[in-house]
Amino acid sequence: MFNKTKSPAPLNPQRADNGSAIPPLPDLPSPGMSAGGPAPRGPAPAPAPVSQRGLSTLSSDLQFEGAITGGGDLQIDGSIKGDVRVGRLIVGETGAVEGSVSADYVEVRGRIVGGITGKQVKLIATAYVDGDITAEQMSIDIGAYFQGRVLQGRREAPPAATPARPAPQPAPEPAPQIIDMKSNG
């Protein structure tokens, strides 16, 4: 009933059958378009929480015992018994960590029993956290379970080299806020 009489599609999708170039769609930049080209329409997309290096994943059927350290991005869908210190961390809905967590960005959808330290911490509606949280920015969705204290403030920068003569002392900063919270959606 059906017969294939045409040759297969060309290997280069940028070229049509007759060899002429196919122009890009108007709202998508072409690979060689300069910065002076037409401006993109609409708002720019929000940056993804994952870096260009890629995301390492501990899948849901894996269990790990011991400390994990590194500067990359990690998604935990399995379980970890030990401390985790990475650049960015996502604990998936099936993920569980029993130990302290430290990362610049922490997103919790699963379970953490232990302290969390990060610049930005997000507890999604499915999160279960039992431990203290130290964060510059924090959000807790309705439905998330959290038991512990929140210390909101900036992390201390390493001390600078001492100058030859003493500099005037700035006024002391107010103490960070400590909030005792029990939240059960």
N, C-alpha and C. Protein backbone atom coordinates (compact mmCIF):
# COMPACT_ATOMS: atom_id res chain seq x y z
N MET A 1 0.81 -1.18 0.00
CA MET A 1 0.00 0.00 0.00
C MET A 1 0.86 1.25 0.00
N PHE A 2 1.88 1.28 0.85
CA PHE A 2 2.78 2.43 0.91
C PHE A 2 4.12 2.02 0.31
N ASN A 3 4.63 2.82 -0.58
CA ASN A 3 5.93 2.57 -1.17
C ASN A 3 6.84 3.74 -0.89
N LYS A 4 8.06 3.46 -0.56
CA LYS A 4 9.04 4.51 -0.30
C LYS A 4 9.84 4.70 -1.58
N THR A 5 9.60 5.83 -2.24
CA THR A 5 10.30 6.09 -3.49
C THR A 5 11.27 7.25 -3.37
N LYS A 6 11.17 8.04 -2.30
CA LYS A 6 12.06 9.19 -2.14
C LYS A 6 13.33 8.76 -1.42
N SER A 7 14.40 9.54 -1.63
CA SER A 7 15.66 9.26 -0.93
C SER A 7 15.52 9.69 0.53
N PRO A 8 16.36 9.16 1.41
CA PRO A 8 16.27 9.54 2.83
C PRO A 8 16.56 11.03 3.04
N ALA A 9 16.10 11.55 4.18
CA ALA A 9 16.29 12.96 4.52
C ALA A 9 17.77 13.29 4.59
N PRO A 10 18.15 14.53 4.25
CA PRO A 10 19.57 14.89 4.31
C PRO A 10 20.07 14.84 5.75
N LEU A 11 21.36 14.55 5.93
CA LEU A 11 21.95 14.45 7.25
C LEU A 11 22.09 15.81 7.92
N ASN A 12 22.23 16.87 7.14
CA ASN A 12 22.38 18.21 7.70
C ASN A 12 21.01 18.88 7.72
N PRO A 13 20.39 19.07 8.92
CA PRO A 13 19.05 19.66 8.97
C PRO A 13 19.03 21.13 8.60
N GLN A 14 20.16 21.78 8.49
CA GLN A 14 20.22 23.19 8.11
C GLN A 14 20.16 23.37 6.59
N ARG A 15 20.22 22.29 5.83
CA ARG A 15 20.20 22.36 4.37
C ARG A 15 18.95 21.64 3.84
N ALA A 16 18.30 22.21 2.86
CA ALA A 16 17.16 21.57 2.21
C ALA A 16 17.71 20.63 1.13
N ASP A 17 16.80 19.89 0.46
CA ASP A 17 17.22 18.93 -0.55
C ASP A 17 17.98 19.60 -1.70
N ASN A 18 17.65 20.87 -2.00
CA ASN A 18 18.31 21.52 -3.12
C ASN A 18 19.61 22.22 -2.70
N GLY A 19 20.05 22.07 -1.42
CA GLY A 19 21.31 22.64 -0.98
C GLY A 19 21.21 24.04 -0.42
N SER A 20 20.02 24.68 -0.49
CA SER A 20 19.91 26.03 0.03
C SER A 20 19.74 25.99 1.55
N ALA A 21 20.19 27.04 2.23
CA ALA A 21 20.12 27.10 3.69
C ALA A 21 18.69 27.39 4.14
N ILE A 22 18.26 26.74 5.24
CA ILE A 22 16.95 26.98 5.82
C ILE A 22 17.12 28.08 6.86
N PRO A 23 16.36 29.16 6.75
CA PRO A 23 16.52 30.24 7.73
C PRO A 23 15.99 29.81 9.09
N PRO A 24 16.55 30.34 10.18
CA PRO A 24 16.07 29.98 11.51
C PRO A 24 14.71 30.60 11.77
N LEU A 25 14.00 30.06 12.76
CA LEU A 25 12.72 30.64 13.15
C LEU A 25 12.95 32.05 13.66
N PRO A 26 11.98 32.96 13.50
CA PRO A 26 12.22 34.36 13.87
C PRO A 26 12.50 34.56 15.35
N ASP A 27 11.92 33.75 16.24
CA ASP A 27 12.13 33.97 17.67
C ASP A 27 13.29 33.17 18.24
N LEU A 28 13.96 32.37 17.43
CA LEU A 28 15.11 31.60 17.90
C LEU A 28 16.38 32.12 17.25
N PRO A 29 17.42 32.37 18.03
CA PRO A 29 18.67 32.84 17.42
C PRO A 29 19.34 31.71 16.66
N SER A 30 19.94 32.05 15.54
CA SER A 30 20.69 31.05 14.80
C SER A 30 22.05 30.87 15.46
N PRO A 31 22.74 29.74 15.20
CA PRO A 31 24.01 29.49 15.88
C PRO A 31 25.05 30.58 15.68
N GLY A 32 25.06 31.27 14.54
CA GLY A 32 26.08 32.28 14.30
C GLY A 32 25.57 33.70 14.43
N MET A 33 24.37 33.91 15.00
CA MET A 33 23.80 35.26 15.07
C MET A 33 24.61 36.12 16.03
N SER A 34 24.86 37.34 15.63
CA SER A 34 25.64 38.25 16.47
C SER A 34 24.74 38.87 17.54
N ALA A 35 25.38 39.51 18.52
CA ALA A 35 24.64 40.15 19.61
C ALA A 35 23.83 41.33 19.10
N GLY A 36 24.14 41.87 17.95
CA GLY A 36 23.42 43.01 17.41
C GLY A 36 22.18 42.61 16.64
N GLY A 37 21.84 41.33 16.63
CA GLY A 37 20.67 40.85 15.91
C GLY A 37 19.39 41.28 16.60
N PRO A 38 18.25 40.79 16.11
CA PRO A 38 16.98 41.19 16.69
C PRO A 38 16.88 40.71 18.14
N ALA A 39 16.22 41.54 18.96
CA ALA A 39 16.08 41.21 20.38
C ALA A 39 15.07 40.09 20.54
N PRO A 40 15.29 39.17 21.50
CA PRO A 40 14.32 38.09 21.70
C PRO A 40 13.01 38.65 22.25
N ARG A 41 11.92 37.99 21.89
CA ARG A 41 10.61 38.44 22.36
C ARG A 41 10.32 37.85 23.72
N GLY A 42 9.58 38.61 24.56
CA GLY A 42 9.16 38.11 25.87
C GLY A 42 10.28 38.20 26.88
N PRO A 43 9.96 37.84 28.13
CA PRO A 43 10.97 37.90 29.19
C PRO A 43 12.00 36.79 29.03
N ALA A 44 13.18 37.04 29.53
CA ALA A 44 14.23 36.03 29.47
C ALA A 44 13.88 34.90 30.43
N PRO A 45 14.18 33.65 30.09
CA PRO A 45 13.86 32.55 30.98
C PRO A 45 14.71 32.63 32.26
N ALA A 46 14.14 32.13 33.35
CA ALA A 46 14.85 32.13 34.63
C ALA A 46 16.02 31.16 34.54
N PRO A 47 17.15 31.49 35.19
CA PRO A 47 18.28 30.58 35.14
C PRO A 47 17.95 29.26 35.82
N ALA A 48 18.41 28.19 35.25
CA ALA A 48 18.17 26.86 35.82
C ALA A 48 19.01 26.68 37.08
N PRO A 49 18.50 25.91 38.05
CA PRO A 49 19.27 25.71 39.27
C PRO A 49 20.46 24.79 39.09
N VAL A 50 20.69 24.29 37.89
CA VAL A 50 21.79 23.37 37.64
C VAL A 50 22.86 24.09 36.83
N SER A 51 24.11 23.89 37.17
CA SER A 51 25.19 24.56 36.46
C SER A 51 25.48 23.87 35.14
N GLN A 52 26.39 24.44 34.37
CA GLN A 52 26.75 23.90 33.08
C GLN A 52 27.56 22.60 33.20
N ARG A 53 28.12 22.34 34.38
CA ARG A 53 28.92 21.13 34.57
C ARG A 53 28.07 19.87 34.52
N GLY A 54 26.78 19.99 34.77
CA GLY A 54 25.91 18.83 34.78
C GLY A 54 25.52 18.48 36.20
N LEU A 55 24.60 17.57 36.30
CA LEU A 55 24.02 17.18 37.57
C LEU A 55 24.33 15.73 37.83
N SER A 56 24.95 15.45 38.98
CA SER A 56 25.18 14.07 39.40
C SER A 56 23.95 13.62 40.16
N THR A 57 23.54 12.37 39.97
CA THR A 57 22.33 11.87 40.59
C THR A 57 22.60 10.56 41.32
N LEU A 58 22.09 10.48 42.55
CA LEU A 58 22.09 9.24 43.31
C LEU A 58 20.67 8.70 43.16
N SER A 59 20.49 7.66 42.35
CA SER A 59 19.14 7.21 42.00
C SER A 59 18.43 6.56 43.18
N SER A 60 17.12 6.40 43.03
CA SER A 60 16.26 5.99 44.13
C SER A 60 16.56 4.58 44.65
N ASP A 61 17.18 3.73 43.87
CA ASP A 61 17.47 2.38 44.34
C ASP A 61 18.85 2.25 44.99
N LEU A 62 19.55 3.38 45.20
CA LEU A 62 20.89 3.35 45.80
C LEU A 62 20.89 3.87 47.23
N GLN A 63 21.74 3.25 48.07
CA GLN A 63 21.97 3.71 49.43
C GLN A 63 23.46 3.95 49.58
N PHE A 64 23.80 5.03 50.26
CA PHE A 64 25.20 5.41 50.41
C PHE A 64 25.47 5.73 51.86
N GLU A 65 26.59 5.23 52.40
CA GLU A 65 27.00 5.55 53.76
C GLU A 65 28.37 6.21 53.69
N GLY A 66 28.47 7.42 54.28
CA GLY A 66 29.72 8.17 54.28
C GLY A 66 29.49 9.59 53.83
N ALA A 67 30.54 10.39 53.92
CA ALA A 67 30.45 11.81 53.58
C ALA A 67 30.61 12.00 52.07
N ILE A 68 29.88 12.96 51.54
CA ILE A 68 30.00 13.34 50.13
C ILE A 68 30.42 14.79 50.10
N THR A 69 31.52 15.10 49.41
CA THR A 69 32.00 16.47 49.28
C THR A 69 32.34 16.74 47.83
N GLY A 70 32.20 17.99 47.43
CA GLY A 70 32.56 18.39 46.08
C GLY A 70 31.97 19.74 45.77
N GLY A 71 32.35 20.30 44.65
CA GLY A 71 31.88 21.62 44.26
C GLY A 71 30.77 21.57 43.24
N GLY A 72 30.37 20.39 42.81
CA GLY A 72 29.38 20.26 41.75
C GLY A 72 27.95 20.24 42.27
N ASP A 73 27.05 19.82 41.38
CA ASP A 73 25.63 19.76 41.66
C ASP A 73 25.24 18.30 41.89
N LEU A 74 24.35 18.07 42.86
CA LEU A 74 23.96 16.71 43.21
C LEU A 74 22.47 16.64 43.43
N GLN A 75 21.84 15.63 42.86
CA GLN A 75 20.44 15.33 43.15
C GLN A 75 20.41 13.97 43.83
N ILE A 76 19.73 13.93 44.97
CA ILE A 76 19.64 12.70 45.75
C ILE A 76 18.22 12.18 45.66
N ASP A 77 18.06 11.01 45.05
CA ASP A 77 16.77 10.33 45.00
C ASP A 77 16.83 9.06 45.84
N GLY A 78 18.02 8.63 46.22
CA GLY A 78 18.21 7.48 47.09
C GLY A 78 18.38 7.94 48.52
N SER A 79 19.15 7.17 49.31
CA SER A 79 19.35 7.56 50.70
C SER A 79 20.84 7.65 51.02
N ILE A 80 21.16 8.62 51.88
CA ILE A 80 22.54 8.85 52.30
C ILE A 80 22.57 8.92 53.82
N LYS A 81 23.49 8.18 54.43
CA LYS A 81 23.76 8.30 55.86
C LYS A 81 25.15 8.89 55.97
N GLY A 82 25.20 10.20 56.18
CA GLY A 82 26.48 10.90 56.25
C GLY A 82 26.28 12.35 55.85
N ASP A 83 27.33 13.13 56.02
CA ASP A 83 27.27 14.55 55.71
C ASP A 83 27.43 14.79 54.21
N VAL A 84 26.75 15.83 53.71
CA VAL A 84 26.80 16.18 52.29
C VAL A 84 27.22 17.64 52.19
N ARG A 85 28.30 17.90 51.43
CA ARG A 85 28.79 19.27 51.21
C ARG A 85 29.12 19.39 49.73
N VAL A 86 28.20 20.11 48.99
CA VAL A 86 28.35 20.27 47.55
C VAL A 86 28.01 21.71 47.17
N GLY A 87 28.11 22.04 45.90
CA GLY A 87 27.79 23.38 45.42
C GLY A 87 26.30 23.64 45.45
N ARG A 88 25.53 22.75 44.82
CA ARG A 88 24.07 22.85 44.77
C ARG A 88 23.50 21.47 45.03
N LEU A 89 22.42 21.43 45.82
CA LEU A 89 21.84 20.14 46.21
C LEU A 89 20.33 20.15 46.02
N ILE A 90 19.83 19.08 45.41
CA ILE A 90 18.40 18.85 45.31
C ILE A 90 18.13 17.48 45.92
N VAL A 91 17.27 17.44 46.94
CA VAL A 91 16.85 16.17 47.53
C VAL A 91 15.47 15.89 46.95
N GLY A 92 15.40 14.87 46.09
CA GLY A 92 14.15 14.53 45.41
C GLY A 92 13.12 13.96 46.37
N GLU A 93 11.90 13.75 45.87
CA GLU A 93 10.81 13.26 46.71
C GLU A 93 11.11 11.91 47.34
N THR A 94 11.87 11.07 46.68
CA THR A 94 12.23 9.77 47.24
C THR A 94 13.58 9.83 47.96
N GLY A 95 14.23 10.98 47.98
CA GLY A 95 15.54 11.14 48.59
C GLY A 95 15.48 11.31 50.09
N ALA A 96 16.54 10.83 50.77
CA ALA A 96 16.63 10.95 52.22
C ALA A 96 18.09 11.14 52.61
N VAL A 97 18.33 12.09 53.52
CA VAL A 97 19.67 12.34 54.03
C VAL A 97 19.61 12.30 55.55
N GLU A 98 20.48 11.51 56.14
CA GLU A 98 20.60 11.47 57.59
C GLU A 98 22.00 11.98 57.91
N GLY A 99 22.11 13.29 58.17
CA GLY A 99 23.38 13.95 58.41
C GLY A 99 23.26 15.41 58.06
N SER A 100 24.33 16.16 58.26
CA SER A 100 24.28 17.59 57.97
C SER A 100 24.48 17.84 56.47
N VAL A 101 23.85 18.92 56.00
CA VAL A 101 23.87 19.29 54.59
C VAL A 101 24.40 20.70 54.47
N SER A 102 25.32 20.94 53.54
CA SER A 102 25.85 22.27 53.30
C SER A 102 26.03 22.47 51.80
N ALA A 103 25.37 23.53 51.28
CA ALA A 103 25.46 23.85 49.86
C ALA A 103 25.02 25.30 49.67
N ASP A 104 25.43 25.92 48.58
CA ASP A 104 24.98 27.28 48.28
C ASP A 104 23.48 27.31 48.05
N TYR A 105 22.97 26.31 47.32
CA TYR A 105 21.55 26.21 47.00
C TYR A 105 21.07 24.85 47.45
N VAL A 106 20.04 24.81 48.28
CA VAL A 106 19.48 23.55 48.77
C VAL A 106 17.98 23.57 48.49
N GLU A 107 17.51 22.57 47.76
CA GLU A 107 16.09 22.40 47.50
C GLU A 107 15.70 21.04 48.05
N VAL A 108 14.73 21.03 48.97
CA VAL A 108 14.33 19.78 49.63
C VAL A 108 12.91 19.43 49.22
N ARG A 109 12.78 18.28 48.60
CA ARG A 109 11.48 17.71 48.25
C ARG A 109 11.26 16.42 49.04
N GLY A 110 12.33 15.86 49.55
CA GLY A 110 12.28 14.62 50.30
C GLY A 110 12.52 14.84 51.78
N ARG A 111 13.40 14.02 52.38
CA ARG A 111 13.58 13.99 53.83
C ARG A 111 15.02 14.28 54.21
N ILE A 112 15.20 15.19 55.17
CA ILE A 112 16.52 15.45 55.75
C ILE A 112 16.37 15.44 57.26
N VAL A 113 17.18 14.62 57.92
CA VAL A 113 17.25 14.61 59.37
C VAL A 113 18.67 15.05 59.71
N GLY A 114 18.80 16.34 60.05
CA GLY A 114 20.10 16.93 60.32
C GLY A 114 20.08 18.39 59.95
N GLY A 115 21.15 19.08 60.25
CA GLY A 115 21.23 20.51 59.98
C GLY A 115 21.44 20.82 58.52
N ILE A 116 20.94 21.99 58.11
CA ILE A 116 21.10 22.47 56.73
C ILE A 116 21.75 23.85 56.80
N THR A 117 22.81 24.05 56.01
CA THR A 117 23.46 25.35 55.90
C THR A 117 23.55 25.70 54.42
N GLY A 118 23.08 26.90 54.05
CA GLY A 118 23.14 27.30 52.65
C GLY A 118 22.80 28.76 52.48
N LYS A 119 23.15 29.30 51.33
CA LYS A 119 22.78 30.68 51.01
C LYS A 119 21.28 30.76 50.72
N GLN A 120 20.78 29.80 49.94
CA GLN A 120 19.37 29.77 49.58
C GLN A 120 18.84 28.38 49.87
N VAL A 121 17.80 28.30 50.71
CA VAL A 121 17.20 27.02 51.09
C VAL A 121 15.72 27.07 50.77
N LYS A 122 15.23 26.05 50.06
CA LYS A 122 13.82 25.96 49.70
C LYS A 122 13.28 24.63 50.19
N LEU A 123 12.18 24.68 50.95
CA LEU A 123 11.47 23.48 51.36
C LEU A 123 10.19 23.42 50.55
N ILE A 124 10.11 22.45 49.65
CA ILE A 124 8.95 22.27 48.79
C ILE A 124 7.87 21.55 49.59
N ALA A 125 6.63 21.55 49.12
CA ALA A 125 5.48 21.03 49.86
C ALA A 125 5.66 19.59 50.35
N THR A 126 6.44 18.79 49.67
CA THR A 126 6.63 17.39 50.06
C THR A 126 7.81 17.19 51.01
N ALA A 127 8.46 18.27 51.43
CA ALA A 127 9.68 18.18 52.24
C ALA A 127 9.38 17.78 53.69
N TYR A 128 10.33 17.05 54.28
CA TYR A 128 10.33 16.71 55.70
C TYR A 128 11.72 17.04 56.21
N VAL A 129 11.82 18.02 57.09
CA VAL A 129 13.12 18.43 57.63
C VAL A 129 13.04 18.44 59.15
N ASP A 130 13.93 17.71 59.78
CA ASP A 130 14.04 17.69 61.24
C ASP A 130 15.48 18.10 61.57
N GLY A 131 15.68 19.39 61.82
CA GLY A 131 17.00 19.91 62.11
C GLY A 131 17.03 21.41 61.94
N ASP A 132 18.11 22.01 62.39
CA ASP A 132 18.27 23.46 62.32
C ASP A 132 18.71 23.87 60.92
N ILE A 133 18.25 25.06 60.50
CA ILE A 133 18.59 25.58 59.18
C ILE A 133 19.26 26.94 59.34
N THR A 134 20.42 27.11 58.70
CA THR A 134 21.11 28.40 58.63
C THR A 134 21.11 28.82 57.17
N ALA A 135 20.48 29.97 56.88
CA ALA A 135 20.35 30.39 55.48
C ALA A 135 20.25 31.89 55.38
N GLU A 136 20.72 32.44 54.25
CA GLU A 136 20.53 33.86 53.95
C GLU A 136 19.13 34.09 53.43
N GLN A 137 18.65 33.19 52.55
CA GLN A 137 17.30 33.26 52.01
C GLN A 137 16.64 31.91 52.23
N MET A 138 15.37 31.95 52.64
CA MET A 138 14.68 30.70 52.94
C MET A 138 13.23 30.79 52.52
N SER A 139 12.69 29.71 51.99
CA SER A 139 11.27 29.65 51.69
C SER A 139 10.74 28.28 52.09
N ILE A 140 9.52 28.28 52.62
CA ILE A 140 8.87 27.04 53.04
C ILE A 140 7.49 27.02 52.39
N ASP A 141 7.23 26.04 51.55
CA ASP A 141 5.93 25.90 50.91
C ASP A 141 4.91 25.35 51.90
N ILE A 142 3.64 25.65 51.64
CA ILE A 142 2.56 25.10 52.44
C ILE A 142 2.56 23.58 52.28
N GLY A 143 2.49 22.88 53.38
CA GLY A 143 2.50 21.42 53.35
C GLY A 143 3.83 20.83 53.75
N ALA A 144 4.90 21.61 53.71
CA ALA A 144 6.22 21.10 54.10
C ALA A 144 6.27 20.93 55.61
N TYR A 145 6.96 19.88 56.07
CA TYR A 145 7.13 19.66 57.50
C TYR A 145 8.52 20.13 57.88
N PHE A 146 8.59 20.96 58.90
CA PHE A 146 9.87 21.45 59.39
C PHE A 146 9.83 21.54 60.90
N GLN A 147 10.80 20.93 61.55
CA GLN A 147 10.94 21.05 62.99
C GLN A 147 12.39 21.38 63.27
N GLY A 148 12.60 22.53 63.92
CA GLY A 148 13.96 22.96 64.24
C GLY A 148 14.00 24.47 64.37
N ARG A 149 15.20 25.01 64.35
CA ARG A 149 15.40 26.45 64.45
C ARG A 149 15.93 26.97 63.13
N VAL A 150 15.62 28.24 62.88
CA VAL A 150 16.14 28.90 61.68
C VAL A 150 17.05 30.02 62.13
N LEU A 151 18.27 30.03 61.63
CA LEU A 151 19.20 31.13 61.87
C LEU A 151 19.37 31.83 60.54
N GLN A 152 18.85 33.04 60.44
CA GLN A 152 18.93 33.77 59.18
C GLN A 152 20.03 34.81 59.28
N GLY A 153 20.96 34.76 58.40
CA GLY A 153 22.05 35.72 58.40
C GLY A 153 23.06 35.35 57.35
N ARG A 154 24.05 36.20 57.22
CA ARG A 154 25.10 35.95 56.23
C ARG A 154 26.22 35.16 56.87
N ARG A 155 26.84 34.36 56.05
CA ARG A 155 28.00 33.62 56.53
C ARG A 155 29.17 34.58 56.66
N GLU A 156 30.00 34.34 57.62
CA GLU A 156 31.16 35.20 57.85
C GLU A 156 32.20 34.96 56.77
N ALA A 157 32.74 36.05 56.23
CA ALA A 157 33.82 35.96 55.25
C ALA A 157 35.13 35.71 55.98
N PRO A 158 36.10 35.07 55.34
CA PRO A 158 37.37 34.85 56.00
C PRO A 158 38.04 36.19 56.33
N PRO A 159 38.76 36.28 57.42
CA PRO A 159 39.37 37.56 57.80
C PRO A 159 40.39 38.01 56.76
N ALA A 160 40.40 39.32 56.50
CA ALA A 160 41.34 39.90 55.54
C ALA A 160 42.69 40.09 56.23
N ALA A 161 43.71 40.35 55.43
CA ALA A 161 45.04 40.59 55.99
C ALA A 161 45.00 41.85 56.85
N THR A 162 45.73 41.85 57.95
CA THR A 162 45.72 43.00 58.86
C THR A 162 46.46 44.16 58.23
N PRO A 163 45.86 45.38 58.22
CA PRO A 163 46.54 46.54 57.64
C PRO A 163 47.66 47.04 58.57
N ALA A 164 48.53 47.90 58.04
CA ALA A 164 49.66 48.43 58.80
C ALA A 164 49.17 49.26 59.98
N ARG A 165 48.16 50.08 59.80
CA ARG A 165 47.61 50.84 60.92
C ARG A 165 46.14 50.45 61.09
N PRO A 166 45.65 50.55 62.27
CA PRO A 166 44.28 50.10 62.51
C PRO A 166 43.26 50.99 61.80
N ALA A 167 42.27 50.35 61.20
CA ALA A 167 41.19 51.06 60.51
C ALA A 167 40.10 51.38 61.52
N PRO A 168 39.31 52.42 61.27
CA PRO A 168 38.21 52.71 62.19
C PRO A 168 37.22 51.55 62.22
N GLN A 169 36.71 51.27 63.41
CA GLN A 169 35.80 50.15 63.59
C GLN A 169 34.38 50.55 63.21
N PRO A 170 33.71 49.78 62.35
CA PRO A 170 32.33 50.09 62.00
C PRO A 170 31.41 49.72 63.17
N ALA A 171 30.21 50.25 63.12
CA ALA A 171 29.23 49.93 64.16
C ALA A 171 28.92 48.44 64.09
N PRO A 172 28.71 47.80 65.23
CA PRO A 172 28.44 46.36 65.21
C PRO A 172 27.10 46.07 64.52
N GLU A 173 27.08 44.94 63.79
CA GLU A 173 25.85 44.54 63.11
C GLU A 173 24.91 43.91 64.13
N PRO A 174 23.62 44.00 63.88
CA PRO A 174 22.69 43.37 64.80
C PRO A 174 22.87 41.85 64.76
N ALA A 175 22.57 41.22 65.87
CA ALA A 175 22.72 39.77 65.97
C ALA A 175 21.74 39.10 65.02
N PRO A 176 22.12 37.95 64.45
CA PRO A 176 21.20 37.24 63.56
C PRO A 176 19.95 36.79 64.32
N GLN A 177 18.86 36.66 63.59
CA GLN A 177 17.60 36.24 64.20
C GLN A 177 17.57 34.74 64.37
N ILE A 178 17.10 34.29 65.50
CA ILE A 178 16.90 32.87 65.75
C ILE A 178 15.42 32.68 65.97
N ILE A 179 14.83 31.78 65.19
CA ILE A 179 13.40 31.55 65.27
C ILE A 179 13.17 30.09 65.53
N ASP A 180 12.42 29.75 66.58
CA ASP A 180 12.02 28.37 66.81
C ASP A 180 10.72 28.15 66.07
N MET A 181 10.70 27.10 65.24
CA MET A 181 9.51 26.88 64.40
C MET A 181 9.10 25.43 64.46
N LYS A 182 7.83 25.20 64.45
CA LYS A 182 7.25 23.89 64.20
C LYS A 182 6.20 24.10 63.15
N SER A 183 6.35 23.47 62.01
CA SER A 183 5.40 23.66 60.93
C SER A 183 4.97 22.30 60.45
N ASN A 184 3.68 22.09 60.36
CA ASN A 184 3.17 20.84 59.85
C ASN A 184 1.97 21.12 58.97
N GLY A 185 2.28 21.84 57.86
CA GLY A 185 1.35 22.18 56.81
C GLY A 185 -0.02 22.34 57.25
